[in-house]
Protein backbone atom coordinates (compact mmCIF):
# COMPACT_ATOMS: atom_id res chain seq x y z
CA MET A 1 -14.34 56.99 -62.31
CA LYS A 2 -17.24 54.64 -62.96
CA ASP A 3 -16.73 50.93 -62.30
CA ILE A 4 -18.58 48.35 -64.39
CA ASP A 5 -18.28 44.62 -63.72
CA ILE A 6 -19.70 42.28 -66.37
CA ILE A 7 -20.41 38.72 -65.28
CA SER A 8 -20.37 36.53 -68.38
CA ILE A 9 -19.35 33.03 -69.40
CA MET A 10 -18.31 34.42 -72.80
CA PRO A 11 -15.80 37.21 -72.08
CA GLU A 12 -14.54 37.16 -75.68
CA TYR A 13 -17.69 39.04 -76.72
CA PHE A 14 -16.23 42.21 -75.23
CA ASP A 15 -12.72 42.19 -76.76
CA SER A 16 -13.32 44.80 -79.49
CA PHE A 17 -16.05 46.64 -77.59
CA LEU A 18 -13.61 47.68 -74.85
CA LYS A 19 -11.13 49.08 -77.37
CA ALA A 20 -13.31 50.86 -79.93
CA GLY A 21 -15.25 54.11 -80.15
CA LEU A 22 -16.23 56.27 -77.21
CA ILE A 23 -16.20 53.32 -74.81
CA GLY A 24 -12.61 52.50 -75.77
CA LYS A 25 -11.65 56.14 -75.34
CA ALA A 26 -13.35 56.32 -71.92
CA VAL A 27 -11.63 53.13 -70.76
CA LYS A 28 -8.23 54.35 -71.96
CA SER A 29 -8.64 57.75 -70.26
CA GLY A 30 -9.73 56.17 -66.98
CA LEU A 31 -13.25 57.61 -67.03
CA ILE A 32 -14.67 54.07 -66.94
CA ASN A 33 -13.15 50.90 -65.52
CA ILE A 34 -14.71 47.76 -67.04
CA ASN A 35 -13.93 44.28 -65.74
CA ILE A 36 -15.11 40.97 -67.17
CA ILE A 37 -15.72 38.26 -64.57
CA ASN A 38 -16.22 34.69 -65.78
CA PRO A 39 -18.49 32.55 -63.55
CA ARG A 40 -16.56 29.49 -64.71
CA ASP A 41 -13.70 30.69 -62.53
CA PHE A 42 -15.98 30.18 -59.52
CA SER A 43 -17.39 26.79 -60.51
CA ALA A 44 -16.82 23.91 -58.07
CA ASP A 45 -16.97 21.46 -60.97
CA LYS A 46 -13.60 20.22 -62.25
CA ARG A 47 -14.81 20.83 -65.82
CA LYS A 48 -15.92 24.36 -64.87
CA LYS A 49 -19.56 23.52 -65.54
CA VAL A 50 -21.96 26.42 -64.95
CA ASP A 51 -25.28 25.06 -66.28
CA ASP A 52 -27.65 22.20 -65.55
CA LYS A 53 -31.10 20.78 -66.35
CA ILE A 54 -34.21 22.71 -65.35
CA TYR A 55 -36.19 21.52 -62.34
CA GLY A 56 -39.73 20.63 -63.34
CA GLY A 57 -38.69 19.89 -66.89
CA GLY A 58 -38.20 22.06 -69.92
CA ALA A 59 -35.97 22.38 -72.94
CA GLY A 60 -32.36 23.45 -72.64
CA GLN A 61 -30.05 24.20 -69.76
CA LEU A 62 -30.15 26.89 -67.07
CA LEU A 63 -27.23 28.80 -65.57
CA MET A 64 -26.60 27.56 -62.03
CA PRO A 65 -26.83 30.12 -59.21
CA GLU A 66 -23.66 29.39 -57.24
CA PRO A 67 -20.98 30.39 -59.80
CA ILE A 68 -22.85 33.61 -60.61
CA ILE A 69 -23.43 34.51 -56.97
CA LYS A 70 -19.76 33.93 -56.17
CA ALA A 71 -18.78 36.11 -59.13
CA PHE A 72 -21.19 38.77 -57.88
CA GLU A 73 -19.72 38.64 -54.37
CA PHE A 74 -16.22 38.91 -55.86
CA ALA A 75 -17.27 42.04 -57.78
CA LYS A 76 -18.77 43.61 -54.66
CA LYS A 77 -15.71 42.79 -52.55
CA ASN A 78 -13.29 44.29 -55.06
CA TYR A 79 -15.16 47.57 -55.49
CA LYS A 80 -13.04 50.12 -53.66
CA SER A 81 -14.99 53.37 -53.98
CA LYS A 82 -16.01 55.18 -50.82
CA ASP A 83 -19.59 55.92 -51.91
CA ASN A 84 -20.44 52.19 -52.04
CA LYS A 85 -23.33 52.86 -54.45
CA THR A 86 -23.83 49.67 -56.43
CA VAL A 87 -26.64 48.67 -58.78
CA THR A 88 -26.99 45.25 -60.37
CA ALA A 89 -28.54 44.74 -63.80
CA ILE A 90 -29.57 41.28 -64.98
CA MET A 91 -29.99 41.21 -68.74
CA SER A 92 -33.23 39.33 -69.43
CA ALA A 93 -35.86 39.25 -72.17
CA SER A 94 -38.50 39.29 -69.41
CA GLY A 95 -37.08 42.39 -67.71
CA LYS A 96 -38.10 46.04 -67.63
CA LEU A 97 -37.62 47.73 -70.99
CA LEU A 98 -34.49 49.89 -71.12
CA ASN A 99 -35.13 53.55 -71.88
CA SER A 100 -33.32 56.88 -71.49
CA SER A 101 -34.91 57.65 -68.13
CA MET A 102 -33.76 54.33 -66.67
CA ALA A 103 -30.28 54.78 -68.15
CA ALA A 104 -29.98 58.26 -66.63
CA ASP A 105 -30.95 56.94 -63.19
CA ILE A 106 -28.48 54.05 -63.36
CA SER A 107 -25.68 56.38 -64.50
CA ASN A 108 -25.73 57.97 -61.04
CA TYR A 109 -24.30 54.82 -59.47
CA GLY A 110 -20.55 54.54 -59.05
CA HIS A 111 -20.56 50.76 -59.44
CA ILE A 112 -22.64 48.82 -61.95
CA ILE A 113 -22.68 45.03 -61.97
CA ILE A 114 -24.13 43.40 -65.08
CA ILE A 115 -25.11 39.73 -65.14
CA CYS A 116 -25.43 38.11 -68.57
CA GLY A 117 -27.69 35.13 -69.06
CA ARG A 118 -27.09 32.22 -71.45
CA TYR A 119 -28.91 29.11 -72.59
CA GLU A 120 -32.46 29.22 -71.13
CA GLY A 121 -31.56 31.93 -68.63
CA ILE A 122 -30.48 32.17 -64.99
CA ASP A 123 -31.71 30.46 -61.82
CA ALA A 124 -34.38 32.79 -60.36
CA ARG A 125 -32.64 32.88 -56.99
CA VAL A 126 -29.82 34.95 -58.46
CA MET A 127 -32.14 37.95 -58.75
CA GLU A 128 -33.37 37.52 -55.17
CA ILE A 129 -29.88 37.17 -53.68
CA THR A 130 -28.24 39.96 -55.68
CA GLY A 131 -31.20 42.35 -55.56
CA GLY A 132 -30.70 42.86 -59.26
CA ILE A 133 -33.00 44.62 -61.71
CA GLU A 134 -34.03 42.56 -64.73
CA ILE A 135 -33.55 44.68 -67.84
CA SER A 136 -34.57 43.99 -71.44
CA ILE A 137 -33.44 45.89 -74.53
CA GLY A 138 -36.46 44.90 -76.62
CA ASP A 139 -39.23 42.46 -77.37
CA TYR A 140 -37.09 39.80 -79.00
CA ILE A 141 -34.83 36.92 -77.96
CA LEU A 142 -31.03 36.83 -78.10
CA SER A 143 -28.75 33.84 -77.53
CA GLY A 144 -27.37 35.50 -74.43
CA GLY A 145 -27.07 38.70 -72.44
CA GLU A 146 -23.69 39.81 -73.81
CA ILE A 147 -25.00 41.81 -76.77
CA ALA A 148 -27.75 43.26 -74.57
CA SER A 149 -25.16 44.29 -71.97
CA ILE A 150 -23.17 46.12 -74.65
CA VAL A 151 -26.29 48.07 -75.63
CA PHE A 152 -26.97 48.75 -71.96
CA ILE A 153 -23.44 50.05 -71.30
CA GLU A 154 -23.51 52.26 -74.39
CA THR A 155 -26.83 53.76 -73.33
CA VAL A 156 -25.90 54.36 -69.68
CA SER A 157 -22.37 55.63 -70.38
CA ARG A 158 -23.64 58.53 -72.47
CA PHE A 159 -24.97 60.03 -69.23
CA PHE A 160 -21.58 59.87 -67.48
CA LYS A 161 -20.06 63.29 -67.00
CA GLY A 162 -17.26 63.79 -69.51
CA PHE A 163 -18.19 60.82 -71.69
CA LEU A 164 -19.52 62.91 -74.57
CA GLY A 165 -17.21 65.59 -75.91
CA ASN A 166 -20.22 67.89 -76.39
CA SER A 167 -22.79 67.58 -73.60
CA GLU A 168 -25.35 69.32 -75.82
CA SER A 169 -25.37 66.24 -78.08
CA LEU A 170 -27.22 64.25 -75.44
CA LYS A 171 -29.98 66.82 -75.15
CA GLU A 172 -30.67 66.77 -78.89
CA GLU A 173 -30.78 63.00 -79.37
CA SER A 174 -33.88 60.85 -79.73
CA PHE A 175 -35.94 60.49 -76.54
CA SER A 176 -34.19 63.51 -74.99
CA GLY A 177 -36.05 66.41 -76.58
CA GLY A 178 -38.82 68.69 -75.39
CA LEU A 179 -41.41 65.91 -75.25
CA ASN A 180 -38.77 63.56 -73.83
CA LYS A 181 -40.10 60.83 -76.11
CA THR A 182 -39.60 61.96 -79.67
CA LEU A 183 -37.35 60.48 -82.31
CA GLU A 184 -34.51 62.61 -83.61
CA TYR A 185 -35.19 64.94 -86.54
CA PRO A 186 -33.45 64.40 -89.93
CA GLN A 187 -29.92 65.80 -90.11
CA TYR A 188 -27.68 66.77 -93.04
CA THR A 189 -24.09 67.65 -93.87
CA LYS A 190 -22.04 68.47 -97.00
CA PRO A 191 -22.57 68.38 -99.92
CA LYS A 192 -25.69 70.52 -100.23
CA ILE A 193 -26.96 68.43 -103.17
CA ILE A 194 -26.47 64.73 -103.88
CA LYS A 195 -28.34 62.79 -106.59
CA ASN A 196 -30.78 65.72 -106.95
CA LEU A 197 -31.60 65.66 -103.21
CA GLN A 198 -30.96 69.04 -101.57
CA VAL A 199 -30.52 70.03 -97.95
CA PRO A 200 -33.73 71.81 -96.83
CA ASP A 201 -33.44 75.57 -97.36
CA VAL A 202 -34.45 76.34 -93.78
CA LEU A 203 -31.26 74.69 -92.47
CA LEU A 204 -29.20 77.03 -94.65
CA SER A 205 -31.11 80.15 -93.59
CA GLY A 206 -29.19 80.94 -90.41
CA ASN A 207 -32.52 81.66 -88.67
CA HIS A 208 -32.26 79.63 -85.46
CA LYS A 209 -35.92 80.05 -84.54
CA LEU A 210 -37.09 78.70 -87.91
CA ILE A 211 -34.56 75.87 -87.74
CA SER A 212 -35.70 74.92 -84.23
CA ASP A 213 -39.36 74.94 -85.29
CA TRP A 214 -38.59 72.86 -88.40
CA ARG A 215 -36.65 70.30 -86.36
CA MET A 216 -39.45 69.92 -83.83
CA LYS A 217 -42.00 69.52 -86.61
CA LYS A 218 -39.91 66.84 -88.32
CA ALA A 219 -39.24 65.04 -85.04
CA LEU A 220 -42.97 64.87 -84.34
CA GLU A 221 -43.71 63.67 -87.87
CA LYS A 222 -41.07 60.96 -87.64
CA THR A 223 -42.27 59.83 -84.23
CA SER A 224 -45.87 59.70 -85.43
CA GLU A 225 -44.86 57.59 -88.43
CA ASN A 226 -42.38 55.21 -86.76
CA ARG A 227 -43.31 55.13 -83.07
CA SER A 228 -46.84 56.38 -82.47
CA ASP A 229 -46.82 54.40 -79.21
CA LEU A 230 -44.53 57.05 -77.74
CA PHE A 231 -47.27 59.67 -78.12
CA ARG A 232 -49.68 57.43 -76.25
CA GLY A 233 -47.11 57.22 -73.47
CA ASN A 234 -46.85 61.02 -73.29
CA ALA A 235 -50.62 61.36 -73.19
CA GLY A 236 -50.76 59.02 -70.21
């Protein structure tokens, strides 16, 4: 079993996520145990305040360190596995960009703690005290780390043993092919023709070598058109 603790002041974000799709199935089967920990439960303020003004000035409010650190310590204390392998991810627009390689590495940990920011972010001391890794899901800004954490969990969970019904699916997805950084090739199903658009003949040929070559060619073409930066990464 994999244990995931999500530290968030908005636990309601995860209500449907924990019940639907492959994540819901994994939770129900016991493959993954996901807990939501609300820092407000650890606030010393009678109104359960978790944010305050930014030292040095600046717009907005910042999440205070103490409630988050206490929530983090609670998560660590309640992790019962013998291997004691824990990694902490702090969802942040200024973090390292999430990719398949990072997700595969993180999937090897038995315990994953995810800290979700809100407002203008989190007190910088949280990262120092928890030893967390700042992780971003893209070059854009969200209102908080909850949506980013859902993307992060989806990405990492696909590497858990038994999560995908067909382990071959992972190998054939985007960023997991021969070049490791190619987008997925176009795929088709029934009917063979719709609105005068026909499934490519090669996919109906039964010749696996030709199909494999066609798929690689199309994956490269799609990557060149949509994400040429990935080729520059391979060259480096």
